[in-house]
């Protein structure tokens, strides 16, 4: 068993849920998060409120699942990311679980 973590911008929320379903990952949790990127200083100075940074509405999904499902999901995510026209790919990582209870 491994811990799968996936982050996406809010626009891809429904798509990620479909990818999880296609990979047969039925048990997962999700949370709304704010995603941040360090903006170049010229972008900050042109803002109405340059001292404020606003995050992009994003989602974090996680699931304790097995390698077969994770591998399938990674294939689906790679295919999805190749066909997007934005600079916001779906990101995923896998963390091994040493112990669980």
PDB file of N, CA and C in Angstrom:
ATOM      1  N   UNK A   1       0.839  -1.171   0.000  1.00  0.00           N
ATOM      2  CA  UNK A   1       0.000   0.000   0.000  1.00  0.00           C
ATOM      3  C   UNK A   1       0.889   1.241   0.000  1.00  0.00           C
ATOM      4  N   UNK A   2       0.466   2.262  -0.759  1.00  0.00           N
ATOM      5  CA  UNK A   2       1.203   3.516  -0.851  1.00  0.00           C
ATOM      6  C   UNK A   2       0.229   4.671  -0.742  1.00  0.00           C
ATOM      7  N   UNK A   3       0.772   5.832  -0.425  1.00  0.00           N
ATOM      8  CA  UNK A   3      -0.024   7.046  -0.350  1.00  0.00           C
ATOM      9  C   UNK A   3       0.129   7.804  -1.656  1.00  0.00           C
ATOM     10  N   UNK A   4      -0.977   8.018  -2.325  1.00  0.00           N
ATOM     11  CA  UNK A   4      -1.031   8.769  -3.571  1.00  0.00           C
ATOM     12  C   UNK A   4      -1.530  10.172  -3.252  1.00  0.00           C
ATOM     13  N   UNK A   5      -0.809  11.192  -3.725  1.00  0.00           N
ATOM     14  CA  UNK A   5      -1.211  12.583  -3.528  1.00  0.00           C
ATOM     15  C   UNK A   5      -1.291  13.246  -4.901  1.00  0.00           C
ATOM     16  N   UNK A   6      -2.418  13.900  -5.182  1.00  0.00           N
ATOM     17  CA  UNK A   6      -2.640  14.561  -6.468  1.00  0.00           C
ATOM     18  C   UNK A   6      -3.088  15.994  -6.202  1.00  0.00           C
ATOM     19  N   UNK A   7      -2.488  16.946  -6.906  1.00  0.00           N
ATOM     20  CA  UNK A   7      -2.924  18.337  -6.814  1.00  0.00           C
ATOM     21  C   UNK A   7      -3.306  18.854  -8.188  1.00  0.00           C
ATOM     22  N   UNK A   8      -4.362  19.670  -8.210  1.00  0.00           N
ATOM     23  CA  UNK A   8      -4.866  20.236  -9.463  1.00  0.00           C
ATOM     24  C   UNK A   8      -5.471  21.607  -9.208  1.00  0.00           C
ATOM     25  N   UNK A   9      -5.545  22.425 -10.249  1.00  0.00           N
ATOM     26  CA  UNK A   9      -6.317  23.653 -10.158  1.00  0.00           C
ATOM     27  C   UNK A   9      -7.797  23.285 -10.194  1.00  0.00           C
ATOM     28  N   UNK A  10      -8.614  24.145  -9.634  1.00  0.00           N
ATOM     29  CA  UNK A  10     -10.049  23.878  -9.493  1.00  0.00           C
ATOM     30  C   UNK A  10     -10.714  23.500 -10.821  1.00  0.00           C
ATOM     31  N   UNK A  11     -10.240  24.057 -11.924  1.00  0.00           N
ATOM     32  CA  UNK A  11     -10.836  23.772 -13.234  1.00  0.00           C
ATOM     33  C   UNK A  11     -10.777  22.290 -13.602  1.00  0.00           C
ATOM     34  N   UNK A  12      -9.827  21.554 -13.030  1.00  0.00           N
ATOM     35  CA  UNK A  12      -9.668  20.136 -13.365  1.00  0.00           C
ATOM     36  C   UNK A  12     -10.290  19.197 -12.332  1.00  0.00           C
ATOM     37  N   UNK A  13     -11.023  19.731 -11.375  1.00  0.00           N
ATOM     38  CA  UNK A  13     -11.594  18.921 -10.301  1.00  0.00           C
ATOM     39  C   UNK A  13     -12.404  17.740 -10.838  1.00  0.00           C
ATOM     40  N   UNK A  14     -13.353  18.000 -11.703  1.00  0.00           N
ATOM     41  CA  UNK A  14     -14.216  16.930 -12.236  1.00  0.00           C
ATOM     42  C   UNK A  14     -13.410  15.938 -13.066  1.00  0.00           C
ATOM     43  N   UNK A  15     -12.432  16.433 -13.810  1.00  0.00           N
ATOM     44  CA  UNK A  15     -11.613  15.558 -14.645  1.00  0.00           C
ATOM     45  C   UNK A  15     -10.808  14.591 -13.783  1.00  0.00           C
ATOM     46  N   UNK A  16     -10.240  15.081 -12.683  1.00  0.00           N
ATOM     47  CA  UNK A  16      -9.466  14.197 -11.812  1.00  0.00           C
ATOM     48  C   UNK A  16     -10.356  13.121 -11.218  1.00  0.00           C
ATOM     49  N   UNK A  17     -11.566  13.480 -10.836  1.00  0.00           N
ATOM     50  CA  UNK A  17     -12.484  12.487 -10.282  1.00  0.00           C
ATOM     51  C   UNK A  17     -12.784  11.400 -11.318  1.00  0.00           C
ATOM     52  N   UNK A  18     -12.893  11.783 -12.583  1.00  0.00           N
ATOM     53  CA  UNK A  18     -13.110  10.796 -13.650  1.00  0.00           C
ATOM     54  C   UNK A  18     -11.872   9.914 -13.842  1.00  0.00           C
ATOM     55  N   UNK A  19     -10.682  10.516 -13.746  1.00  0.00           N
ATOM     56  CA  UNK A  19      -9.453   9.736 -13.885  1.00  0.00           C
ATOM     57  C   UNK A  19      -9.319   8.733 -12.740  1.00  0.00           C
ATOM     58  N   UNK A  20      -9.663   9.144 -11.520  1.00  0.00           N
ATOM     59  CA  UNK A  20      -9.654   8.215 -10.391  1.00  0.00           C
ATOM     60  C   UNK A  20     -10.600   7.045 -10.667  1.00  0.00           C
ATOM     61  N   UNK A  21     -11.759   7.357 -11.182  1.00  0.00           N
ATOM     62  CA  UNK A  21     -12.737   6.303 -11.469  1.00  0.00           C
ATOM     63  C   UNK A  21     -12.206   5.348 -12.536  1.00  0.00           C
ATOM     64  N   UNK A  22     -11.592   5.894 -13.594  1.00  0.00           N
ATOM     65  CA  UNK A  22     -11.027   5.057 -14.650  1.00  0.00           C
ATOM     66  C   UNK A  22      -9.915   4.155 -14.117  1.00  0.00           C
ATOM     67  N   UNK A  23      -9.152   4.652 -13.142  1.00  0.00           N
ATOM     68  CA  UNK A  23      -8.063   3.870 -12.553  1.00  0.00           C
ATOM     69  C   UNK A  23      -8.566   2.939 -11.451  1.00  0.00           C
ATOM     70  N   UNK A  24      -9.873   2.960 -11.222  1.00  0.00           N
ATOM     71  CA  UNK A  24     -10.510   2.125 -10.196  1.00  0.00           C
ATOM     72  C   UNK A  24     -10.049   2.466  -8.779  1.00  0.00           C
ATOM     73  N   UNK A  25      -9.719   3.748  -8.580  1.00  0.00           N
ATOM     74  CA  UNK A  25      -9.421   4.242  -7.237  1.00  0.00           C
ATOM     75  C   UNK A  25     -10.725   4.817  -6.697  1.00  0.00           C
ATOM     76  N   UNK A  26     -11.382   4.031  -5.870  1.00  0.00           N
ATOM     77  CA  UNK A  26     -12.711   4.406  -5.399  1.00  0.00           C
ATOM     78  C   UNK A  26     -12.697   5.050  -4.024  1.00  0.00           C
ATOM     79  N   UNK A  27     -11.639   4.833  -3.258  1.00  0.00           N
ATOM     80  CA  UNK A  27     -11.539   5.399  -1.917  1.00  0.00           C
ATOM     81  C   UNK A  27     -10.461   6.470  -1.895  1.00  0.00           C
ATOM     82  N   UNK A  28     -10.878   7.702  -1.699  1.00  0.00           N
ATOM     83  CA  UNK A  28      -9.936   8.811  -1.647  1.00  0.00           C
ATOM     84  C   UNK A  28     -10.555   9.947  -0.844  1.00  0.00           C
ATOM     85  N   UNK A  29      -9.739  10.883  -0.491  1.00  0.00           N
ATOM     86  CA  UNK A  29     -10.191  12.090   0.197  1.00  0.00           C
ATOM     87  C   UNK A  29      -9.744  13.287  -0.620  1.00  0.00           C
ATOM     88  N   UNK A  30     -10.436  14.397  -0.408  1.00  0.00           N
ATOM     89  CA  UNK A  30     -10.048  15.615  -1.110  1.00  0.00           C
ATOM     90  C   UNK A  30     -10.210  16.809  -0.198  1.00  0.00           C
ATOM     91  N   UNK A  31      -9.483  17.865  -0.532  1.00  0.00           N
ATOM     92  CA  UNK A  31      -9.544  19.090   0.241  1.00  0.00           C
ATOM     93  C   UNK A  31      -9.323  20.277  -0.688  1.00  0.00           C
ATOM     94  N   UNK A  32     -10.016  21.363  -0.411  1.00  0.00           N
ATOM     95  CA  UNK A  32      -9.782  22.602  -1.142  1.00  0.00           C
ATOM     96  C   UNK A  32      -8.523  23.250  -0.587  1.00  0.00           C
ATOM     97  N   UNK A  33      -7.663  23.718  -1.476  1.00  0.00           N
ATOM     98  CA  UNK A  33      -6.428  24.379  -1.073  1.00  0.00           C
ATOM     99  C   UNK A  33      -6.202  25.596  -1.961  1.00  0.00           C
ATOM    100  N   UNK A  34      -5.293  26.457  -1.568  1.00  0.00           N
ATOM    101  CA  UNK A  34      -4.852  27.568  -2.404  1.00  0.00           C
ATOM    102  C   UNK A  34      -3.456  27.246  -2.900  1.00  0.00           C
ATOM    103  N   UNK A  35      -3.269  27.312  -4.211  1.00  0.00           N
ATOM    104  CA  UNK A  35      -1.960  27.059  -4.797  1.00  0.00           C
ATOM    105  C   UNK A  35      -1.257  28.373  -5.089  1.00  0.00           C
ATOM    106  N   UNK A  36       0.033  28.416  -4.859  1.00  0.00           N
ATOM    107  CA  UNK A  36       0.809  29.639  -5.061  1.00  0.00           C
ATOM    108  C   UNK A  36       2.010  29.380  -5.947  1.00  0.00           C
ATOM    109  N   UNK A  37       2.347  30.390  -6.748  1.00  0.00           N
ATOM    110  CA  UNK A  37       3.585  30.411  -7.518  1.00  0.00           C
ATOM    111  C   UNK A  37       4.245  31.733  -7.212  1.00  0.00           C
ATOM    112  N   UNK A  38       5.563  31.766  -7.166  1.00  0.00           N
ATOM    113  CA  UNK A  38       6.262  33.031  -6.963  1.00  0.00           C
ATOM    114  C   UNK A  38       6.160  33.834  -8.240  1.00  0.00           C
ATOM    115  N   UNK A  39       5.493  34.993  -8.143  1.00  0.00           N
ATOM    116  CA  UNK A  39       5.305  35.847  -9.313  1.00  0.00           C
ATOM    117  C   UNK A  39       6.531  36.724  -9.520  1.00  0.00           C
ATOM    118  N   UNK A  40       6.872  36.995 -10.790  1.00  0.00           N
ATOM    119  CA  UNK A  40       7.979  37.929 -11.043  1.00  0.00           C
ATOM    120  C   UNK A  40       7.651  39.296 -10.447  1.00  0.00           C
ATOM    121  N   UNK A  41       8.663  40.052 -10.078  1.00  0.00           N
ATOM    122  CA  UNK A  41       8.450  41.338  -9.416  1.00  0.00           C
ATOM    123  C   UNK A  41       7.665  42.311 -10.278  1.00  0.00           C
ATOM    124  N   UNK A  42       7.769  42.238 -11.607  1.00  0.00           N
ATOM    125  CA  UNK A  42       7.001  43.134 -12.467  1.00  0.00           C
ATOM    126  C   UNK A  42       5.518  42.857 -12.364  1.00  0.00           C
ATOM    127  N   UNK A  43       5.151  41.600 -12.171  1.00  0.00           N
ATOM    128  CA  UNK A  43       3.746  41.254 -12.002  1.00  0.00           C
ATOM    129  C   UNK A  43       3.228  41.821 -10.682  1.00  0.00           C
ATOM    130  N   UNK A  44       4.028  41.737  -9.627  1.00  0.00           N
ATOM    131  CA  UNK A  44       3.615  42.227  -8.323  1.00  0.00           C
ATOM    132  C   UNK A  44       3.455  43.743  -8.347  1.00  0.00           C
ATOM    133  N   UNK A  45       4.348  44.466  -9.038  1.00  0.00           N
ATOM    134  CA  UNK A  45       4.281  45.923  -9.039  1.00  0.00           C
ATOM    135  C   UNK A  45       3.117  46.437  -9.869  1.00  0.00           C
ATOM    136  N   UNK A  46       2.598  45.645 -10.795  1.00  0.00           N
ATOM    137  CA  UNK A  46       1.480  46.092 -11.614  1.00  0.00           C
ATOM    138  C   UNK A  46       0.137  45.774 -10.982  1.00  0.00           C
ATOM    139  N   UNK A  47       0.147  45.092  -9.857  1.00  0.00           N
ATOM    140  CA  UNK A  47      -1.079  44.718  -9.168  1.00  0.00           C
ATOM    141  C   UNK A  47      -1.672  45.924  -8.460  1.00  0.00           C
ATOM    142  N   UNK A  48      -3.003  45.930  -8.301  1.00  0.00           N
ATOM    143  CA  UNK A  48      -3.663  46.989  -7.547  1.00  0.00           C
ATOM    144  C   UNK A  48      -3.199  46.982  -6.100  1.00  0.00           C
ATOM    145  N   UNK A  49      -2.990  45.804  -5.560  1.00  0.00           N
ATOM    146  CA  UNK A  49      -2.540  45.647  -4.181  1.00  0.00           C
ATOM    147  C   UNK A  49      -1.261  44.809  -4.196  1.00  0.00           C
ATOM    148  N   UNK A  50      -0.130  45.415  -4.535  1.00  0.00           N
ATOM    149  CA  UNK A  50       1.099  44.641  -4.747  1.00  0.00           C
ATOM    150  C   UNK A  50       1.586  43.867  -3.528  1.00  0.00           C
ATOM    151  N   UNK A  51       1.178  44.244  -2.323  1.00  0.00           N
ATOM    152  CA  UNK A  51       1.648  43.508  -1.158  1.00  0.00           C
ATOM    153  C   UNK A  51       0.836  42.243  -0.920  1.00  0.00           C
ATOM    154  N   UNK A  52      -0.282  42.080  -1.637  1.00  0.00           N
ATOM    155  CA  UNK A  52      -1.123  40.905  -1.452  1.00  0.00           C
ATOM    156  C   UNK A  52      -0.845  39.865  -2.524  1.00  0.00           C
ATOM    157  N   UNK A  53      -0.708  38.637  -2.099  1.00  0.00           N
ATOM    158  CA  UNK A  53      -0.585  37.535  -3.037  1.00  0.00           C
ATOM    159  C   UNK A  53      -1.855  36.719  -2.937  1.00  0.00           C
ATOM    160  N   UNK A  54      -2.432  36.401  -4.071  1.00  0.00           N
ATOM    161  CA  UNK A  54      -3.635  35.570  -4.022  1.00  0.00           C
ATOM    162  C   UNK A  54      -3.300  34.207  -4.607  1.00  0.00           C
ATOM    163  N   UNK A  55      -3.862  33.188  -4.006  1.00  0.00           N
ATOM    164  CA  UNK A  55      -3.612  31.834  -4.466  1.00  0.00           C
ATOM    165  C   UNK A  55      -4.642  31.410  -5.486  1.00  0.00           C
ATOM    166  N   UNK A  56      -4.284  30.423  -6.268  1.00  0.00           N
ATOM    167  CA  UNK A  56      -5.204  29.833  -7.230  1.00  0.00           C
ATOM    168  C   UNK A  56      -6.030  28.775  -6.516  1.00  0.00           C
ATOM    169  N   UNK A  57      -7.334  28.816  -6.729  1.00  0.00           N
ATOM    170  CA  UNK A  57      -8.181  27.794  -6.124  1.00  0.00           C
ATOM    171  C   UNK A  57      -7.785  26.442  -6.680  1.00  0.00           C
ATOM    172  N   UNK A  58      -7.460  25.520  -5.790  1.00  0.00           N
ATOM    173  CA  UNK A  58      -6.933  24.219  -6.177  1.00  0.00           C
ATOM    174  C   UNK A  58      -7.546  23.131  -5.305  1.00  0.00           C
ATOM    175  N   UNK A  59      -7.251  21.894  -5.661  1.00  0.00           N
ATOM    176  CA  UNK A  59      -7.716  20.737  -4.898  1.00  0.00           C
ATOM    177  C   UNK A  59      -6.558  19.794  -4.652  1.00  0.00           C
ATOM    178  N   UNK A  60      -6.594  19.147  -3.495  1.00  0.00           N
ATOM    179  CA  UNK A  60      -5.637  18.118  -3.151  1.00  0.00           C
ATOM    180  C   UNK A  60      -6.425  16.834  -2.905  1.00  0.00           C
ATOM    181  N   UNK A  61      -6.036  15.775  -3.589  1.00  0.00           N
ATOM    182  CA  UNK A  61      -6.653  14.465  -3.421  1.00  0.00           C
ATOM    183  C   UNK A  61      -5.604  13.530  -2.837  1.00  0.00           C
ATOM    184  N   UNK A  62      -6.027  12.620  -1.963  1.00  0.00           N
ATOM    185  CA  UNK A  62      -5.096  11.595  -1.516  1.00  0.00           C
ATOM    186  C   UNK A  62      -5.826  10.289  -1.288  1.00  0.00           C
ATOM    187  N   UNK A  63      -5.071   9.215  -1.490  1.00  0.00           N
ATOM    188  CA  UNK A  63      -5.636   7.876  -1.369  1.00  0.00           C
ATOM    189  C   UNK A  63      -4.548   6.901  -0.952  1.00  0.00           C
ATOM    190  N   UNK A  64      -4.910   5.964  -0.078  1.00  0.00           N
ATOM    191  CA  UNK A  64      -4.043   4.842   0.247  1.00  0.00           C
ATOM    192  C   UNK A  64      -4.465   3.716  -0.689  1.00  0.00           C
ATOM    193  N   UNK A  65      -3.586   3.360  -1.621  1.00  0.00           N
ATOM    194  CA  UNK A  65      -3.969   2.392  -2.646  1.00  0.00           C
ATOM    195  C   UNK A  65      -2.755   1.585  -3.101  1.00  0.00           C
ATOM    196  N   UNK A  66      -2.978   0.684  -4.056  1.00  0.00           N
ATOM    197  CA  UNK A  66      -1.900  -0.211  -4.492  1.00  0.00           C
ATOM    198  C   UNK A  66      -1.269   0.239  -5.805  1.00  0.00           C
ATOM    199  N   UNK A  67      -0.107  -0.373  -6.115  1.00  0.00           N
ATOM    200  CA  UNK A  67       0.696   0.019  -7.276  1.00  0.00           C
ATOM    201  C   UNK A  67      -0.043  -0.085  -8.607  1.00  0.00           C
ATOM    202  N   UNK A  68      -0.836  -1.124  -8.789  1.00  0.00           N
ATOM    203  CA  UNK A  68      -1.516  -1.322 -10.080  1.00  0.00           C
ATOM    204  C   UNK A  68      -2.429  -0.145 -10.394  1.00  0.00           C
ATOM    205  N   UNK A  69      -3.200   0.288  -9.415  1.00  0.00           N
ATOM    206  CA  UNK A  69      -4.110   1.421  -9.622  1.00  0.00           C
ATOM    207  C   UNK A  69      -3.333   2.720  -9.798  1.00  0.00           C
ATOM    208  N   UNK A  70      -2.265   2.869  -9.028  1.00  0.00           N
ATOM    209  CA  UNK A  70      -1.446   4.076  -9.143  1.00  0.00           C
ATOM    210  C   UNK A  70      -0.805   4.150 -10.527  1.00  0.00           C
ATOM    211  N   UNK A  71      -0.255   3.051 -11.008  1.00  0.00           N
ATOM    212  CA  UNK A  71       0.374   3.033 -12.333  1.00  0.00           C
ATOM    213  C   UNK A  71      -0.625   3.411 -13.420  1.00  0.00           C
ATOM    214  N   UNK A  72      -1.841   2.881 -13.316  1.00  0.00           N
ATOM    215  CA  UNK A  72      -2.866   3.210 -14.308  1.00  0.00           C
ATOM    216  C   UNK A  72      -3.210   4.696 -14.246  1.00  0.00           C
ATOM    217  N   UNK A  73      -3.361   5.227 -13.031  1.00  0.00           N
ATOM    218  CA  UNK A  73      -3.669   6.649 -12.886  1.00  0.00           C
ATOM    219  C   UNK A  73      -2.544   7.509 -13.454  1.00  0.00           C
ATOM    220  N   UNK A  74      -1.292   7.152 -13.199  1.00  0.00           N
ATOM    221  CA  UNK A  74      -0.174   7.923 -13.727  1.00  0.00           C
ATOM    222  C   UNK A  74      -0.185   7.938 -15.254  1.00  0.00           C
ATOM    223  N   UNK A  75      -0.535   6.830 -15.880  1.00  0.00           N
ATOM    224  CA  UNK A  75      -0.650   6.794 -17.346  1.00  0.00           C
ATOM    225  C   UNK A  75      -1.735   7.750 -17.818  1.00  0.00           C
ATOM    226  N   UNK A  76      -2.871   7.737 -17.142  1.00  0.00           N
ATOM    227  CA  UNK A  76      -3.985   8.619 -17.502  1.00  0.00           C
ATOM    228  C   UNK A  76      -3.614  10.093 -17.302  1.00  0.00           C
ATOM    229  N   UNK A  77      -2.928  10.395 -16.203  1.00  0.00           N
ATOM    230  CA  UNK A  77      -2.509  11.773 -15.942  1.00  0.00           C
ATOM    231  C   UNK A  77      -1.491  12.236 -16.981  1.00  0.00           C
ATOM    232  N   UNK A  78      -0.536  11.384 -17.333  1.00  0.00           N
ATOM    233  CA  UNK A  78       0.468  11.744 -18.346  1.00  0.00           C
ATOM    234  C   UNK A  78      -0.207  12.074 -19.675  1.00  0.00           C
ATOM    235  N   UNK A  79      -1.174  11.263 -20.056  1.00  0.00           N
ATOM    236  CA  UNK A  79      -1.911  11.514 -21.298  1.00  0.00           C
ATOM    237  C   UNK A  79      -2.682  12.834 -21.211  1.00  0.00           C
ATOM    238  N   UNK A  80      -3.340  13.066 -20.091  1.00  0.00           N
ATOM    239  CA  UNK A  80      -4.092  14.311 -19.899  1.00  0.00           C
ATOM    240  C   UNK A  80      -3.161  15.517 -19.995  1.00  0.00           C
ATOM    241  N   UNK A  81      -2.024  15.466 -19.299  1.00  0.00           N
ATOM    242  CA  UNK A  81      -1.092  16.594 -19.271  1.00  0.00           C
ATOM    243  C   UNK A  81      -0.497  16.910 -20.634  1.00  0.00           C
ATOM    244  N   UNK A  82      -0.369  15.908 -21.505  1.00  0.00           N
ATOM    245  CA  UNK A  82       0.164  16.142 -22.847  1.00  0.00           C
ATOM    246  C   UNK A  82      -0.805  16.941 -23.708  1.00  0.00           C
ATOM    247  N   UNK A  83      -2.081  16.924 -23.350  1.00  0.00           N
ATOM    248  CA  UNK A  83      -3.100  17.550 -24.191  1.00  0.00           C
ATOM    249  C   UNK A  83      -3.659  18.848 -23.625  1.00  0.00           C
ATOM    250  N   UNK A  84      -3.069  19.379 -22.555  1.00  0.00           N
ATOM    251  CA  UNK A  84      -3.583  20.630 -22.006  1.00  0.00           C
ATOM    252  C   UNK A  84      -2.882  21.817 -22.661  1.00  0.00           C
ATOM    253  N   UNK A  85      -3.573  22.954 -22.666  1.00  0.00           N
ATOM    254  CA  UNK A  85      -3.008  24.151 -23.271  1.00  0.00           C
ATOM    255  C   UNK A  85      -2.638  25.197 -22.229  1.00  0.00           C
ATOM    256  N   UNK A  86      -2.725  24.850 -20.959  1.00  0.00           N
ATOM    257  CA  UNK A  86      -2.378  25.781 -19.889  1.00  0.00           C
ATOM    258  C   UNK A  86      -1.048  25.362 -19.254  1.00  0.00           C
ATOM    259  N   UNK A  87      -0.613  26.158 -18.315  1.00  0.00           N
ATOM    260  CA  UNK A  87       0.624  25.857 -17.589  1.00  0.00           C
ATOM    261  C   UNK A  87       0.294  25.278 -16.207  1.00  0.00           C
ATOM    262  N   UNK A  88      -0.812  24.527 -16.127  1.00  0.00           N
ATOM    263  CA  UNK A  88      -1.260  23.966 -14.858  1.00  0.00           C
ATOM    264  C   UNK A  88      -1.514  22.464 -14.985  1.00  0.00           C
ATOM    265  N   UNK A  89      -0.461  21.677 -15.118  1.00  0.00           N
ATOM    266  CA  UNK A  89      -0.668  20.233 -15.249  1.00  0.00           C
ATOM    267  C   UNK A  89      -1.158  19.616 -13.942  1.00  0.00           C
ATOM    268  N   UNK A  90      -1.772  18.458 -14.055  1.00  0.00           N
ATOM    269  CA  UNK A  90      -2.093  17.670 -12.868  1.00  0.00           C
ATOM    270  C   UNK A  90      -0.764  17.152 -12.329  1.00  0.00           C
ATOM    271  N   UNK A  91      -0.569  17.273 -11.026  1.00  0.00           N
ATOM    272  CA  UNK A  91       0.671  16.794 -10.404  1.00  0.00           C
ATOM    273  C   UNK A  91       0.328  15.674  -9.441  1.00  0.00           C
ATOM    274  N   UNK A  92       1.171  14.639  -9.428  1.00  0.00           N
ATOM    275  CA  UNK A  92       0.929  13.494  -8.547  1.00  0.00           C
ATOM    276  C   UNK A  92       2.253  12.977  -8.004  1.00  0.00           C
ATOM    277  N   UNK A  93       2.207  12.505  -6.768  1.00  0.00           N
ATOM    278  CA  UNK A  93       3.369  11.880  -6.142  1.00  0.00           C
ATOM    279  C   UNK A  93       2.898  10.639  -5.389  1.00  0.00           C
ATOM    280  N   UNK A  94       3.834   9.742  -5.145  1.00  0.00           N
ATOM    281  CA  UNK A  94       3.553   8.515  -4.406  1.00  0.00           C
ATOM    282  C   UNK A  94       4.539   8.438  -3.250  1.00  0.00           C
ATOM    283  N   UNK A  95       3.997   8.126  -2.069  1.00  0.00           N
ATOM    284  CA  UNK A  95       4.808   8.013  -0.864  1.00  0.00           C
ATOM    285  C   UNK A  95       4.644   6.594  -0.314  1.00  0.00           C
ATOM    286  N   UNK A  96       5.744   5.863  -0.105  1.00  0.00           N
ATOM    287  CA  UNK A  96       5.606   4.519   0.454  1.00  0.00           C
ATOM    288  C   UNK A  96       5.158   4.585   1.912  1.00  0.00           C
ATOM    289  N   UNK A  97       4.406   3.605   2.316  1.00  0.00           N
ATOM    290  CA  UNK A  97       3.920   3.514   3.690  1.00  0.00           C
ATOM    291  C   UNK A  97       4.733   2.444   4.408  1.00  0.00           C
ATOM    292  N   UNK A  98       5.444   2.827   5.453  1.00  0.00           N
ATOM    293  CA  UNK A  98       6.242   1.870   6.214  1.00  0.00           C
ATOM    294  C   UNK A  98       5.388   1.099   7.212  1.00  0.00           C
ATOM    295  N   UNK A  99       4.478   1.805   7.868  1.00  0.00           N
ATOM    296  CA  UNK A  99       3.613   1.166   8.855  1.00  0.00           C
ATOM    297  C   UNK A  99       2.233   1.798   8.772  1.00  0.00           C
ATOM    298  N   UNK A 100       1.228   1.037   9.109  1.00  0.00           N
ATOM    299  CA  UNK A 100      -0.128   1.586   9.195  1.00  0.00           C
ATOM    300  C   UNK A 100      -0.885   0.805  10.256  1.00  0.00           C
ATOM    301  N   UNK A 101      -1.966   1.378  10.706  1.00  0.00           N
ATOM    302  CA  UNK A 101      -2.764   0.721  11.718  1.00  0.00           C
ATOM    303  C   UNK A 101      -4.249   0.953  11.446  1.00  0.00           C
TER     304      UNK A 101
END
